[in-house]
Amino acid sequence: MSTTNIFKQLNSSIVRLVSIPAINASLGIAARLLASAIFISAGFSKLGAGYAGTQAYMASVGVSGALLPLVIMLEIGGGLALLLGFQARLAAFALAVFCIVSALLFHSGADQMQQIMFMKNLTMAGGLLAFTVFGAGRLSLDGETQTQSSQR
């Protein structure tokens, strides 16, 4: 059996597996939980003691600290919307744009850690764009199925 056939069989097996409604719904919930956790926790970490430090960091790269309340609202609100599957396409798109902009503004440095953070942000944006395309799934407040998503 050729390597190509092995991969085709593996792919077909995955397609069959995710076509099982309970597995599809479970994976959708898991994906939303994993994708939203970083935004919800980051938003809450900026409240209280983290607020002043975040404002100072923003100012150090030339971004007004006055934008911080909007950042916090986007992270917590968008993260919760994605988690619950409420207006998930809109939330995911807004968070994807946020990831790209923050990568460019805050993580374009030459040192290795900044490059890792830059790539992390781009990777998250890619996953969020998948939610933008495919929606939150059946077990969400949006209640979308793949059929509904693909007909739009």
N, C-alpha and C. Protein backbone atom coordinates (compact mmCIF):
# COMPACT_ATOMS: atom_id res chain seq x y z
N MET A 1 0.85 -1.18 0.00
CA MET A 1 0.00 0.00 0.00
C MET A 1 0.89 1.24 0.00
N SER A 2 0.58 2.17 -0.86
CA SER A 2 1.40 3.37 -0.98
C SER A 2 1.10 4.35 0.16
N THR A 3 2.06 5.22 0.39
CA THR A 3 1.90 6.25 1.42
C THR A 3 0.68 7.12 1.13
N THR A 4 0.46 7.44 -0.13
CA THR A 4 -0.69 8.27 -0.51
C THR A 4 -1.99 7.59 -0.11
N ASN A 5 -2.09 6.27 -0.36
CA ASN A 5 -3.30 5.54 0.00
C ASN A 5 -3.51 5.48 1.51
N ILE A 6 -2.42 5.36 2.26
CA ILE A 6 -2.52 5.34 3.72
C ILE A 6 -3.10 6.65 4.21
N PHE A 7 -2.60 7.76 3.68
CA PHE A 7 -3.10 9.07 4.11
C PHE A 7 -4.54 9.28 3.67
N LYS A 8 -4.90 8.80 2.49
CA LYS A 8 -6.29 8.90 2.03
C LYS A 8 -7.21 8.11 2.95
N GLN A 9 -6.79 6.93 3.37
CA GLN A 9 -7.59 6.12 4.27
C GLN A 9 -7.72 6.79 5.64
N LEU A 10 -6.62 7.32 6.14
CA LEU A 10 -6.67 8.03 7.43
C LEU A 10 -7.61 9.23 7.35
N ASN A 11 -7.50 9.99 6.28
CA ASN A 11 -8.37 11.14 6.11
C ASN A 11 -9.83 10.72 6.04
N SER A 12 -10.11 9.66 5.30
CA SER A 12 -11.48 9.16 5.19
C SER A 12 -12.01 8.71 6.55
N SER A 13 -11.15 8.10 7.34
CA SER A 13 -11.56 7.66 8.68
C SER A 13 -11.90 8.86 9.56
N ILE A 14 -11.12 9.91 9.46
CA ILE A 14 -11.40 11.12 10.24
C ILE A 14 -12.70 11.75 9.77
N VAL A 15 -12.92 11.80 8.47
CA VAL A 15 -14.17 12.36 7.95
C VAL A 15 -15.36 11.58 8.48
N ARG A 16 -15.27 10.25 8.47
CA ARG A 16 -16.38 9.43 8.99
C ARG A 16 -16.57 9.69 10.49
N LEU A 17 -15.47 9.79 11.22
CA LEU A 17 -15.55 10.00 12.66
C LEU A 17 -16.23 11.32 12.99
N VAL A 18 -15.80 12.39 12.33
CA VAL A 18 -16.39 13.70 12.65
C VAL A 18 -17.78 13.89 12.07
N SER A 19 -18.22 12.96 11.23
CA SER A 19 -19.59 13.05 10.72
C SER A 19 -20.59 12.47 11.72
N ILE A 20 -20.10 11.81 12.76
CA ILE A 20 -20.98 11.33 13.84
C ILE A 20 -21.41 12.55 14.65
N PRO A 21 -22.72 12.83 14.72
CA PRO A 21 -23.19 14.08 15.35
C PRO A 21 -22.63 14.34 16.74
N ALA A 22 -22.59 13.35 17.61
CA ALA A 22 -22.11 13.57 18.98
C ALA A 22 -20.63 13.94 18.99
N ILE A 23 -19.86 13.31 18.15
CA ILE A 23 -18.42 13.63 18.08
C ILE A 23 -18.22 15.00 17.47
N ASN A 24 -18.96 15.30 16.41
CA ASN A 24 -18.86 16.61 15.77
C ASN A 24 -19.19 17.72 16.76
N ALA A 25 -20.27 17.55 17.50
CA ALA A 25 -20.68 18.57 18.47
C ALA A 25 -19.66 18.70 19.59
N SER A 26 -19.13 17.58 20.05
CA SER A 26 -18.12 17.61 21.13
C SER A 26 -16.85 18.30 20.68
N LEU A 27 -16.42 18.03 19.46
CA LEU A 27 -15.22 18.68 18.95
C LEU A 27 -15.45 20.18 18.77
N GLY A 28 -16.66 20.57 18.36
CA GLY A 28 -16.98 21.99 18.22
C GLY A 28 -16.89 22.72 19.55
N ILE A 29 -17.44 22.10 20.59
CA ILE A 29 -17.37 22.69 21.93
C ILE A 29 -15.92 22.77 22.40
N ALA A 30 -15.18 21.69 22.22
CA ALA A 30 -13.77 21.67 22.64
C ALA A 30 -12.97 22.75 21.91
N ALA A 31 -13.21 22.89 20.61
CA ALA A 31 -12.50 23.90 19.82
C ALA A 31 -12.81 25.30 20.33
N ARG A 32 -14.09 25.56 20.61
CA ARG A 32 -14.46 26.90 21.11
C ARG A 32 -13.87 27.15 22.48
N LEU A 33 -13.87 26.14 23.34
CA LEU A 33 -13.29 26.29 24.68
C LEU A 33 -11.79 26.59 24.59
N LEU A 34 -11.09 25.81 23.79
CA LEU A 34 -9.64 26.01 23.66
C LEU A 34 -9.30 27.35 23.01
N ALA A 35 -10.05 27.75 22.00
CA ALA A 35 -9.77 29.01 21.30
C ALA A 35 -10.12 30.23 22.14
N SER A 36 -11.14 30.12 22.97
CA SER A 36 -11.59 31.28 23.74
C SER A 36 -10.85 31.47 25.05
N ALA A 37 -10.28 30.42 25.60
CA ALA A 37 -9.67 30.49 26.93
C ALA A 37 -8.60 31.56 27.04
N ILE A 38 -7.76 31.70 26.03
CA ILE A 38 -6.66 32.66 26.11
C ILE A 38 -7.19 34.10 26.15
N PHE A 39 -8.28 34.37 25.44
CA PHE A 39 -8.82 35.73 25.41
C PHE A 39 -9.52 36.07 26.72
N ILE A 40 -10.31 35.14 27.23
CA ILE A 40 -11.03 35.38 28.49
C ILE A 40 -10.03 35.59 29.62
N SER A 41 -9.03 34.71 29.72
CA SER A 41 -8.06 34.86 30.81
C SER A 41 -7.20 36.12 30.63
N ALA A 42 -6.84 36.44 29.40
CA ALA A 42 -6.04 37.65 29.17
C ALA A 42 -6.84 38.91 29.51
N GLY A 43 -8.12 38.92 29.16
CA GLY A 43 -8.95 40.08 29.49
C GLY A 43 -9.07 40.28 30.99
N PHE A 44 -9.34 39.19 31.71
CA PHE A 44 -9.46 39.30 33.17
C PHE A 44 -8.13 39.65 33.83
N SER A 45 -7.02 39.21 33.25
CA SER A 45 -5.71 39.52 33.84
C SER A 45 -5.37 41.00 33.73
N LYS A 46 -6.01 41.69 32.81
CA LYS A 46 -5.75 43.12 32.64
C LYS A 46 -6.56 43.98 33.61
N LEU A 47 -7.50 43.38 34.29
CA LEU A 47 -8.28 44.11 35.29
C LEU A 47 -7.49 44.18 36.59
N GLY A 48 -7.78 45.15 37.42
CA GLY A 48 -7.11 45.26 38.71
C GLY A 48 -5.64 45.59 38.57
N ALA A 49 -4.79 44.76 39.20
CA ALA A 49 -3.35 45.04 39.27
C ALA A 49 -2.68 45.04 37.90
N GLY A 50 -3.20 44.29 36.94
CA GLY A 50 -2.58 44.23 35.62
C GLY A 50 -2.89 45.41 34.72
N TYR A 51 -3.84 46.24 35.12
CA TYR A 51 -4.30 47.34 34.26
C TYR A 51 -3.18 48.34 33.97
N ALA A 52 -2.54 48.86 35.02
CA ALA A 52 -1.52 49.90 34.85
C ALA A 52 -0.33 49.38 34.05
N GLY A 53 0.10 48.15 34.31
CA GLY A 53 1.22 47.59 33.58
C GLY A 53 0.91 47.42 32.09
N THR A 54 -0.33 47.01 31.80
CA THR A 54 -0.71 46.85 30.40
C THR A 54 -0.78 48.21 29.70
N GLN A 55 -1.31 49.21 30.39
CA GLN A 55 -1.36 50.56 29.81
C GLN A 55 0.05 51.06 29.52
N ALA A 56 0.97 50.83 30.43
CA ALA A 56 2.36 51.28 30.25
C ALA A 56 3.00 50.55 29.07
N TYR A 57 2.73 49.26 28.95
CA TYR A 57 3.28 48.49 27.83
C TYR A 57 2.72 49.01 26.51
N MET A 58 1.43 49.29 26.48
CA MET A 58 0.82 49.84 25.26
C MET A 58 1.48 51.16 24.89
N ALA A 59 1.65 52.03 25.88
CA ALA A 59 2.26 53.34 25.64
C ALA A 59 3.70 53.20 25.15
N SER A 60 4.39 52.17 25.63
CA SER A 60 5.80 51.99 25.24
C SER A 60 5.98 51.68 23.76
N VAL A 61 4.92 51.21 23.11
CA VAL A 61 5.00 50.95 21.67
C VAL A 61 4.18 51.96 20.87
N GLY A 62 3.75 53.01 21.55
CA GLY A 62 3.05 54.10 20.86
C GLY A 62 1.55 53.92 20.70
N VAL A 63 0.96 53.01 21.46
CA VAL A 63 -0.49 52.81 21.41
C VAL A 63 -1.09 53.45 22.66
N SER A 64 -2.14 54.22 22.47
CA SER A 64 -2.76 54.91 23.59
C SER A 64 -3.34 53.93 24.60
N GLY A 65 -2.99 54.13 25.86
CA GLY A 65 -3.54 53.33 26.94
C GLY A 65 -5.03 53.52 27.10
N ALA A 66 -5.57 54.58 26.51
CA ALA A 66 -7.01 54.83 26.58
C ALA A 66 -7.80 53.75 25.83
N LEU A 67 -7.11 52.99 24.97
CA LEU A 67 -7.77 51.90 24.22
C LEU A 67 -7.92 50.62 25.05
N LEU A 68 -7.28 50.58 26.22
CA LEU A 68 -7.29 49.37 27.02
C LEU A 68 -8.69 48.88 27.39
N PRO A 69 -9.62 49.75 27.78
CA PRO A 69 -10.97 49.23 28.07
C PRO A 69 -11.61 48.51 26.86
N LEU A 70 -11.34 49.01 25.66
CA LEU A 70 -11.86 48.34 24.46
C LEU A 70 -11.20 46.98 24.27
N VAL A 71 -9.91 46.91 24.54
CA VAL A 71 -9.19 45.64 24.43
C VAL A 71 -9.78 44.63 25.40
N ILE A 72 -9.98 45.06 26.64
CA ILE A 72 -10.53 44.17 27.67
C ILE A 72 -11.93 43.71 27.27
N MET A 73 -12.76 44.63 26.78
CA MET A 73 -14.11 44.25 26.36
C MET A 73 -14.07 43.26 25.20
N LEU A 74 -13.17 43.47 24.26
CA LEU A 74 -13.05 42.55 23.13
C LEU A 74 -12.57 41.18 23.60
N GLU A 75 -11.56 41.16 24.44
CA GLU A 75 -11.03 39.88 24.89
C GLU A 75 -12.06 39.10 25.71
N ILE A 76 -12.66 39.74 26.70
CA ILE A 76 -13.62 39.03 27.53
C ILE A 76 -14.93 38.79 26.76
N GLY A 77 -15.46 39.85 26.17
CA GLY A 77 -16.73 39.71 25.45
C GLY A 77 -16.63 38.81 24.24
N GLY A 78 -15.59 39.01 23.42
CA GLY A 78 -15.41 38.17 22.25
C GLY A 78 -15.09 36.74 22.63
N GLY A 79 -14.29 36.57 23.68
CA GLY A 79 -13.96 35.22 24.15
C GLY A 79 -15.19 34.48 24.65
N LEU A 80 -16.02 35.17 25.43
CA LEU A 80 -17.26 34.54 25.92
C LEU A 80 -18.23 34.26 24.79
N ALA A 81 -18.34 35.19 23.84
CA ALA A 81 -19.22 34.97 22.69
C ALA A 81 -18.78 33.74 21.90
N LEU A 82 -17.48 33.61 21.68
CA LEU A 82 -16.96 32.45 20.97
C LEU A 82 -17.21 31.18 21.78
N LEU A 83 -16.93 31.21 23.06
CA LEU A 83 -17.14 30.05 23.92
C LEU A 83 -18.59 29.57 23.86
N LEU A 84 -19.52 30.50 23.95
CA LEU A 84 -20.94 30.15 23.96
C LEU A 84 -21.50 29.93 22.57
N GLY A 85 -20.76 30.33 21.57
CA GLY A 85 -21.25 30.22 20.20
C GLY A 85 -22.34 31.24 19.91
N PHE A 86 -22.20 32.42 20.47
CA PHE A 86 -23.15 33.51 20.23
C PHE A 86 -22.51 34.52 19.28
N GLN A 87 -23.11 34.67 18.09
CA GLN A 87 -22.51 35.53 17.07
C GLN A 87 -21.04 35.16 16.90
N ALA A 88 -20.80 33.87 16.84
CA ALA A 88 -19.44 33.35 16.85
C ALA A 88 -18.63 33.78 15.64
N ARG A 89 -19.27 33.88 14.48
CA ARG A 89 -18.54 34.31 13.29
C ARG A 89 -18.02 35.73 13.46
N LEU A 90 -18.86 36.62 13.95
CA LEU A 90 -18.47 38.00 14.17
C LEU A 90 -17.39 38.08 15.25
N ALA A 91 -17.60 37.39 16.36
CA ALA A 91 -16.61 37.41 17.45
C ALA A 91 -15.28 36.86 16.97
N ALA A 92 -15.31 35.75 16.24
CA ALA A 92 -14.07 35.14 15.76
C ALA A 92 -13.35 36.07 14.78
N PHE A 93 -14.09 36.72 13.91
CA PHE A 93 -13.46 37.63 12.95
C PHE A 93 -12.82 38.81 13.68
N ALA A 94 -13.54 39.40 14.64
CA ALA A 94 -12.99 40.52 15.40
C ALA A 94 -11.74 40.10 16.17
N LEU A 95 -11.77 38.92 16.78
CA LEU A 95 -10.61 38.44 17.52
C LEU A 95 -9.44 38.12 16.58
N ALA A 96 -9.74 37.62 15.37
CA ALA A 96 -8.67 37.35 14.39
C ALA A 96 -7.97 38.65 13.99
N VAL A 97 -8.75 39.67 13.70
CA VAL A 97 -8.17 40.97 13.35
C VAL A 97 -7.34 41.50 14.52
N PHE A 98 -7.87 41.38 15.72
CA PHE A 98 -7.15 41.80 16.92
C PHE A 98 -5.81 41.07 17.05
N CYS A 99 -5.81 39.75 16.80
CA CYS A 99 -4.58 38.96 16.89
C CYS A 99 -3.53 39.45 15.89
N ILE A 100 -3.97 39.72 14.68
CA ILE A 100 -3.03 40.17 13.64
C ILE A 100 -2.48 41.55 13.97
N VAL A 101 -3.37 42.46 14.36
CA VAL A 101 -2.93 43.81 14.70
C VAL A 101 -1.99 43.79 15.90
N SER A 102 -2.36 43.03 16.94
CA SER A 102 -1.49 43.00 18.12
C SER A 102 -0.16 42.30 17.82
N ALA A 103 -0.16 41.33 16.92
CA ALA A 103 1.11 40.71 16.51
C ALA A 103 2.02 41.75 15.88
N LEU A 104 1.46 42.53 14.98
CA LEU A 104 2.26 43.54 14.28
C LEU A 104 2.72 44.66 15.21
N LEU A 105 1.86 45.09 16.12
CA LEU A 105 2.20 46.20 17.01
C LEU A 105 3.10 45.81 18.17
N PHE A 106 2.84 44.63 18.75
CA PHE A 106 3.50 44.30 20.01
C PHE A 106 4.53 43.18 19.91
N HIS A 107 4.54 42.41 18.83
CA HIS A 107 5.41 41.23 18.80
C HIS A 107 6.26 41.15 17.53
N SER A 108 6.60 42.28 16.97
CA SER A 108 7.41 42.26 15.76
C SER A 108 8.89 42.43 16.04
N GLY A 109 9.28 42.26 17.30
CA GLY A 109 10.68 42.40 17.66
C GLY A 109 11.53 41.26 17.11
N ALA A 110 12.84 41.46 17.15
CA ALA A 110 13.77 40.50 16.56
C ALA A 110 14.12 39.35 17.50
N ASP A 111 13.89 39.52 18.81
CA ASP A 111 14.30 38.44 19.71
C ASP A 111 13.37 37.23 19.57
N GLN A 112 13.89 36.09 19.96
CA GLN A 112 13.19 34.82 19.73
C GLN A 112 11.82 34.78 20.40
N MET A 113 11.69 35.29 21.62
CA MET A 113 10.40 35.26 22.31
C MET A 113 9.36 36.10 21.56
N GLN A 114 9.75 37.26 21.06
CA GLN A 114 8.80 38.08 20.30
C GLN A 114 8.39 37.38 19.01
N GLN A 115 9.31 36.69 18.37
CA GLN A 115 8.98 35.94 17.15
C GLN A 115 8.00 34.81 17.46
N ILE A 116 8.19 34.13 18.59
CA ILE A 116 7.26 33.08 19.00
C ILE A 116 5.88 33.66 19.26
N MET A 117 5.82 34.79 19.96
CA MET A 117 4.54 35.45 20.25
C MET A 117 3.88 35.92 18.96
N PHE A 118 4.67 36.42 18.02
CA PHE A 118 4.16 36.85 16.72
C PHE A 118 3.49 35.67 16.01
N MET A 119 4.20 34.55 15.94
CA MET A 119 3.65 33.37 15.27
C MET A 119 2.44 32.80 16.02
N LYS A 120 2.45 32.87 17.35
CA LYS A 120 1.30 32.42 18.15
C LYS A 120 0.06 33.23 17.77
N ASN A 121 0.22 34.52 17.67
CA ASN A 121 -0.91 35.38 17.30
C ASN A 121 -1.42 35.06 15.91
N LEU A 122 -0.50 34.85 14.96
CA LEU A 122 -0.94 34.51 13.60
C LEU A 122 -1.63 33.15 13.57
N THR A 123 -1.13 32.21 14.35
CA THR A 123 -1.76 30.89 14.42
C THR A 123 -3.16 30.99 15.00
N MET A 124 -3.32 31.77 16.06
CA MET A 124 -4.65 31.96 16.65
C MET A 124 -5.58 32.62 15.63
N ALA A 125 -5.07 33.59 14.90
CA ALA A 125 -5.89 34.25 13.88
C ALA A 125 -6.36 33.23 12.84
N GLY A 126 -5.50 32.32 12.45
CA GLY A 126 -5.89 31.28 11.49
C GLY A 126 -7.02 30.42 12.01
N GLY A 127 -6.93 29.99 13.25
CA GLY A 127 -8.00 29.20 13.85
C GLY A 127 -9.29 29.99 13.96
N LEU A 128 -9.18 31.25 14.31
CA LEU A 128 -10.37 32.10 14.43
C LEU A 128 -11.01 32.34 13.06
N LEU A 129 -10.21 32.44 12.03
CA LEU A 129 -10.78 32.59 10.69
C LEU A 129 -11.54 31.32 10.28
N ALA A 130 -11.11 30.16 10.77
CA ALA A 130 -11.87 28.93 10.51
C ALA A 130 -13.25 29.02 11.16
N PHE A 131 -13.34 29.55 12.38
CA PHE A 131 -14.65 29.76 13.00
C PHE A 131 -15.47 30.76 12.20
N THR A 132 -14.81 31.77 11.65
CA THR A 132 -15.50 32.76 10.82
C THR A 132 -16.13 32.07 9.62
N VAL A 133 -15.42 31.15 9.02
CA VAL A 133 -15.92 30.44 7.83
C VAL A 133 -16.97 29.39 8.19
N PHE A 134 -16.70 28.58 9.21
CA PHE A 134 -17.54 27.41 9.48
C PHE A 134 -18.55 27.59 10.59
N GLY A 135 -18.46 28.67 11.37
CA GLY A 135 -19.40 28.90 12.45
C GLY A 135 -19.05 28.13 13.70
N ALA A 136 -19.94 28.20 14.68
CA ALA A 136 -19.69 27.64 16.00
C ALA A 136 -20.12 26.18 16.13
N GLY A 137 -20.94 25.71 15.21
CA GLY A 137 -21.41 24.34 15.30
C GLY A 137 -22.81 24.24 15.86
N ARG A 138 -23.29 23.01 15.89
CA ARG A 138 -24.68 22.74 16.26
C ARG A 138 -24.96 23.05 17.73
N LEU A 139 -24.06 22.65 18.63
CA LEU A 139 -24.28 22.90 20.05
C LEU A 139 -23.69 24.25 20.44
N SER A 140 -24.38 25.29 20.02
CA SER A 140 -23.96 26.66 20.31
C SER A 140 -25.22 27.51 20.34
N LEU A 141 -25.09 28.71 20.84
CA LEU A 141 -26.25 29.60 20.82
C LEU A 141 -26.64 29.97 19.40
N ASP A 142 -25.66 29.99 18.50
CA ASP A 142 -25.96 30.22 17.08
C ASP A 142 -26.65 29.00 16.48
N GLY A 143 -26.35 27.80 17.00
CA GLY A 143 -26.98 26.57 16.57
C GLY A 143 -26.80 26.22 15.11
N GLU A 144 -25.65 26.52 14.55
CA GLU A 144 -25.41 26.25 13.13
C GLU A 144 -25.00 24.81 12.88
N THR A 145 -25.41 24.29 11.77
CA THR A 145 -24.90 23.01 11.31
C THR A 145 -23.98 23.28 10.14
N GLN A 146 -23.20 22.29 9.77
CA GLN A 146 -22.29 22.48 8.64
C GLN A 146 -23.07 22.80 7.37
N THR A 147 -24.24 22.19 7.21
CA THR A 147 -25.04 22.47 6.01
C THR A 147 -25.43 23.93 5.95
N GLN A 148 -25.88 24.48 7.10
CA GLN A 148 -26.25 25.89 7.13
C GLN A 148 -25.04 26.77 6.85
N SER A 149 -23.90 26.41 7.43
CA SER A 149 -22.69 27.21 7.25
C SER A 149 -22.25 27.26 5.80
N SER A 150 -22.33 26.11 5.14
CA SER A 150 -21.83 26.07 3.76
C SER A 150 -22.78 26.70 2.76
N GLN A 151 -24.04 26.92 3.14
CA GLN A 151 -25.00 27.52 2.22
C GLN A 151 -24.94 29.03 2.21
N ARG A 152 -24.19 29.62 3.10
CA ARG A 152 -24.16 31.09 3.19
C ARG A 152 -23.27 31.69 2.17
